[in-house]
């Protein structure tokens, strides 16, 4: 299986919707307008492709000097367990450089995954949840 990685905001909300739906990540995959805004306003969008099918995405917000928030890391279930998520994270790290911390909020089902790809668990995070 050959996976191609692209660093581009030029993706369709329908492709993002499909990856979210097929990955199991909890995102508003039915709301294409909102997905378009999520793509447009991200600082970093790196995608993984199998032929012409998007199978993974890393979407992040950053200042490129101190901190980067990995808002989405999603890989289609059919393509999980092949290192795609790890490679997406590596490519985000390459873009932000060594001076930036990479932080995320894990879904409960993914808590055991992140230490396997280099993240350290923190008990110092706080969240004000969205209402929509």
C-alpha atoms as a PDB file:
ATOM      1  CA  UNK A   1       0.000   0.000   0.000  1.00  0.00           C
ATOM      2  CA  UNK A   2       1.424   3.344  -1.059  1.00  0.00           C
ATOM      3  CA  UNK A   3       0.375   6.386   0.953  1.00  0.00           C
ATOM      4  CA  UNK A   4       1.032   9.898  -0.341  1.00  0.00           C
ATOM      5  CA  UNK A   5       1.191  12.816   2.093  1.00  0.00           C
ATOM      6  CA  UNK A   6       0.184  16.343   1.068  1.00  0.00           C
ATOM      7  CA  UNK A   7       0.654  19.631   2.900  1.00  0.00           C
ATOM      8  CA  UNK A   8      -2.301  21.605   1.573  1.00  0.00           C
ATOM      9  CA  UNK A   9      -5.518  23.334   2.576  1.00  0.00           C
ATOM     10  CA  UNK A  10      -6.917  22.411  -0.857  1.00  0.00           C
ATOM     11  CA  UNK A  11      -9.170  19.590   0.281  1.00  0.00           C
ATOM     12  CA  UNK A  12     -12.900  19.193  -0.029  1.00  0.00           C
ATOM     13  CA  UNK A  13     -15.107  19.172   3.050  1.00  0.00           C
ATOM     14  CA  UNK A  14     -16.651  15.971   1.653  1.00  0.00           C
ATOM     15  CA  UNK A  15     -13.244  14.258   1.860  1.00  0.00           C
ATOM     16  CA  UNK A  16     -12.764  15.480   5.424  1.00  0.00           C
ATOM     17  CA  UNK A  17     -16.277  14.324   6.307  1.00  0.00           C
ATOM     18  CA  UNK A  18     -15.550  10.841   4.954  1.00  0.00           C
ATOM     19  CA  UNK A  19     -12.312  10.523   6.946  1.00  0.00           C
ATOM     20  CA  UNK A  20     -13.980  11.729  10.139  1.00  0.00           C
ATOM     21  CA  UNK A  21     -16.915   9.369   9.660  1.00  0.00           C
ATOM     22  CA  UNK A  22     -14.710   6.364   8.820  1.00  0.00           C
ATOM     23  CA  UNK A  23     -12.152   7.011  11.558  1.00  0.00           C
ATOM     24  CA  UNK A  24     -14.514   7.032  14.507  1.00  0.00           C
ATOM     25  CA  UNK A  25     -13.418  10.508  15.650  1.00  0.00           C
ATOM     26  CA  UNK A  26     -16.258  12.564  17.114  1.00  0.00           C
ATOM     27  CA  UNK A  27     -16.579  15.543  14.779  1.00  0.00           C
ATOM     28  CA  UNK A  28     -19.525  17.271  13.021  1.00  0.00           C
ATOM     29  CA  UNK A  29     -18.961  15.302   9.803  1.00  0.00           C
ATOM     30  CA  UNK A  30     -22.468  16.073   8.478  1.00  0.00           C
ATOM     31  CA  UNK A  31     -21.931  19.857   8.647  1.00  0.00           C
ATOM     32  CA  UNK A  32     -19.953  20.531   5.453  1.00  0.00           C
ATOM     33  CA  UNK A  33     -19.974  24.310   5.908  1.00  0.00           C
ATOM     34  CA  UNK A  34     -18.421  23.971   9.357  1.00  0.00           C
ATOM     35  CA  UNK A  35     -15.857  21.484   8.028  1.00  0.00           C
ATOM     36  CA  UNK A  36     -14.904  23.994   5.317  1.00  0.00           C
ATOM     37  CA  UNK A  37     -14.285  26.618   8.005  1.00  0.00           C
ATOM     38  CA  UNK A  38     -12.214  24.118  10.006  1.00  0.00           C
ATOM     39  CA  UNK A  39     -10.022  23.535   6.950  1.00  0.00           C
ATOM     40  CA  UNK A  40      -9.779  27.208   5.989  1.00  0.00           C
ATOM     41  CA  UNK A  41      -8.816  28.517   9.429  1.00  0.00           C
ATOM     42  CA  UNK A  42      -6.257  25.837  10.302  1.00  0.00           C
ATOM     43  CA  UNK A  43      -2.589  26.794  10.185  1.00  0.00           C
ATOM     44  CA  UNK A  44      -1.458  23.301   9.204  1.00  0.00           C
ATOM     45  CA  UNK A  45      -3.366  20.696   7.198  1.00  0.00           C
ATOM     46  CA  UNK A  46      -1.516  17.525   6.261  1.00  0.00           C
ATOM     47  CA  UNK A  47      -3.406  14.731   4.556  1.00  0.00           C
ATOM     48  CA  UNK A  48      -2.715  11.099   3.720  1.00  0.00           C
ATOM     49  CA  UNK A  49      -3.953   9.641   0.436  1.00  0.00           C
ATOM     50  CA  UNK A  50      -4.316   6.129  -0.962  1.00  0.00           C
ATOM     51  CA  UNK A  51      -4.599   6.802  -4.691  1.00  0.00           C
ATOM     52  CA  UNK A  52      -7.341   9.469  -4.964  1.00  0.00           C
ATOM     53  CA  UNK A  53      -8.930   8.680  -1.583  1.00  0.00           C
ATOM     54  CA  UNK A  54      -8.103  10.779   1.469  1.00  0.00           C
ATOM     55  CA  UNK A  55      -7.519   8.326   4.333  1.00  0.00           C
ATOM     56  CA  UNK A  56      -6.005  10.529   7.043  1.00  0.00           C
ATOM     57  CA  UNK A  57      -5.592  14.082   8.264  1.00  0.00           C
ATOM     58  CA  UNK A  58      -3.672  16.113  10.819  1.00  0.00           C
ATOM     59  CA  UNK A  59      -5.079  19.606  11.351  1.00  0.00           C
ATOM     60  CA  UNK A  60      -3.340  22.039  13.683  1.00  0.00           C
ATOM     61  CA  UNK A  61      -3.359  25.621  14.987  1.00  0.00           C
ATOM     62  CA  UNK A  62      -0.030  27.221  15.875  1.00  0.00           C
ATOM     63  CA  UNK A  63       2.033  30.354  16.413  1.00  0.00           C
ATOM     64  CA  UNK A  64       5.109  28.534  14.992  1.00  0.00           C
ATOM     65  CA  UNK A  65       7.235  29.766  17.884  1.00  0.00           C
ATOM     66  CA  UNK A  66       5.983  28.280  21.160  1.00  0.00           C
ATOM     67  CA  UNK A  67       2.930  26.067  20.924  1.00  0.00           C
ATOM     68  CA  UNK A  68       0.920  24.035  18.431  1.00  0.00           C
ATOM     69  CA  UNK A  69      -2.495  22.502  19.103  1.00  0.00           C
ATOM     70  CA  UNK A  70      -3.203  19.333  17.135  1.00  0.00           C
ATOM     71  CA  UNK A  71      -6.934  19.755  16.721  1.00  0.00           C
ATOM     72  CA  UNK A  72      -7.549  16.672  14.583  1.00  0.00           C
ATOM     73  CA  UNK A  73      -5.657  13.462  13.980  1.00  0.00           C
ATOM     74  CA  UNK A  74      -7.879  11.023  12.124  1.00  0.00           C
ATOM     75  CA  UNK A  75      -7.184   7.939  10.027  1.00  0.00           C
ATOM     76  CA  UNK A  76      -9.811   5.845   8.261  1.00  0.00           C
ATOM     77  CA  UNK A  77     -10.270   2.585  10.246  1.00  0.00           C
ATOM     78  CA  UNK A  78      -9.449   0.568   7.129  1.00  0.00           C
ATOM     79  CA  UNK A  79      -5.987   2.201   7.081  1.00  0.00           C
ATOM     80  CA  UNK A  80      -5.200   2.271  10.806  1.00  0.00           C
ATOM     81  CA  UNK A  81      -2.296   0.265  12.255  1.00  0.00           C
ATOM     82  CA  UNK A  82      -0.029   1.165   9.307  1.00  0.00           C
ATOM     83  CA  UNK A  83       1.853   4.131  10.809  1.00  0.00           C
ATOM     84  CA  UNK A  84      -0.191   6.804   9.034  1.00  0.00           C
ATOM     85  CA  UNK A  85      -1.135   8.686  12.213  1.00  0.00           C
ATOM     86  CA  UNK A  86       2.465   8.621  13.421  1.00  0.00           C
ATOM     87  CA  UNK A  87       3.691   9.944  10.069  1.00  0.00           C
ATOM     88  CA  UNK A  88       1.083  12.722  10.053  1.00  0.00           C
ATOM     89  CA  UNK A  89       2.265  13.811  13.518  1.00  0.00           C
ATOM     90  CA  UNK A  90       5.916  13.661  12.404  1.00  0.00           C
ATOM     91  CA  UNK A  91       5.126  15.947   9.479  1.00  0.00           C
ATOM     92  CA  UNK A  92       3.359  18.431  11.763  1.00  0.00           C
ATOM     93  CA  UNK A  93       6.433  18.408  14.013  1.00  0.00           C
ATOM     94  CA  UNK A  94       8.668  19.053  10.999  1.00  0.00           C
ATOM     95  CA  UNK A  95       6.590  22.133  10.125  1.00  0.00           C
ATOM     96  CA  UNK A  96       6.531  23.631  13.623  1.00  0.00           C
ATOM     97  CA  UNK A  97      10.159  22.923  14.533  1.00  0.00           C
ATOM     98  CA  UNK A  98      11.811  21.947  17.788  1.00  0.00           C
ATOM     99  CA  UNK A  99      10.955  25.218  19.558  1.00  0.00           C
ATOM    100  CA  UNK A 100       7.210  24.377  19.581  1.00  0.00           C
ATOM    101  CA  UNK A 101       5.352  22.092  21.954  1.00  0.00           C
ATOM    102  CA  UNK A 102       2.707  19.916  20.298  1.00  0.00           C
ATOM    103  CA  UNK A 103      -0.409  19.478  22.444  1.00  0.00           C
ATOM    104  CA  UNK A 104      -3.738  17.743  21.948  1.00  0.00           C
ATOM    105  CA  UNK A 105      -6.878  16.626  23.720  1.00  0.00           C
ATOM    106  CA  UNK A 106      -7.292  12.878  23.407  1.00  0.00           C
ATOM    107  CA  UNK A 107     -10.515  10.997  22.952  1.00  0.00           C
ATOM    108  CA  UNK A 108     -10.866   8.413  25.739  1.00  0.00           C
ATOM    109  CA  UNK A 109     -10.475   5.618  23.192  1.00  0.00           C
ATOM    110  CA  UNK A 110      -7.125   7.023  21.982  1.00  0.00           C
ATOM    111  CA  UNK A 111      -5.425   7.667  25.342  1.00  0.00           C
ATOM    112  CA  UNK A 112      -3.232   4.574  25.013  1.00  0.00           C
ATOM    113  CA  UNK A 113      -2.233   5.415  21.428  1.00  0.00           C
ATOM    114  CA  UNK A 114      -0.538   8.777  21.921  1.00  0.00           C
ATOM    115  CA  UNK A 115       2.314   7.633  24.211  1.00  0.00           C
ATOM    116  CA  UNK A 116       3.221   5.085  21.511  1.00  0.00           C
ATOM    117  CA  UNK A 117       3.957   7.911  19.060  1.00  0.00           C
ATOM    118  CA  UNK A 118       5.922  10.161  21.385  1.00  0.00           C
ATOM    119  CA  UNK A 119       3.378  12.137  23.434  1.00  0.00           C
ATOM    120  CA  UNK A 120       3.680  12.465  27.214  1.00  0.00           C
ATOM    121  CA  UNK A 121       0.475  12.496  29.232  1.00  0.00           C
ATOM    122  CA  UNK A 122      -0.229  15.694  31.185  1.00  0.00           C
ATOM    123  CA  UNK A 123      -2.570  16.296  34.097  1.00  0.00           C
ATOM    124  CA  UNK A 124      -2.346  20.089  33.732  1.00  0.00           C
ATOM    125  CA  UNK A 125      -4.834  20.747  30.925  1.00  0.00           C
ATOM    126  CA  UNK A 126      -8.161  22.556  31.237  1.00  0.00           C
ATOM    127  CA  UNK A 127     -11.038  22.896  28.771  1.00  0.00           C
ATOM    128  CA  UNK A 128     -14.029  25.187  28.360  1.00  0.00           C
ATOM    129  CA  UNK A 129     -16.319  23.025  26.220  1.00  0.00           C
ATOM    130  CA  UNK A 130     -18.128  24.354  23.160  1.00  0.00           C
ATOM    131  CA  UNK A 131     -21.910  24.661  23.291  1.00  0.00           C
ATOM    132  CA  UNK A 132     -22.545  23.506  19.715  1.00  0.00           C
END
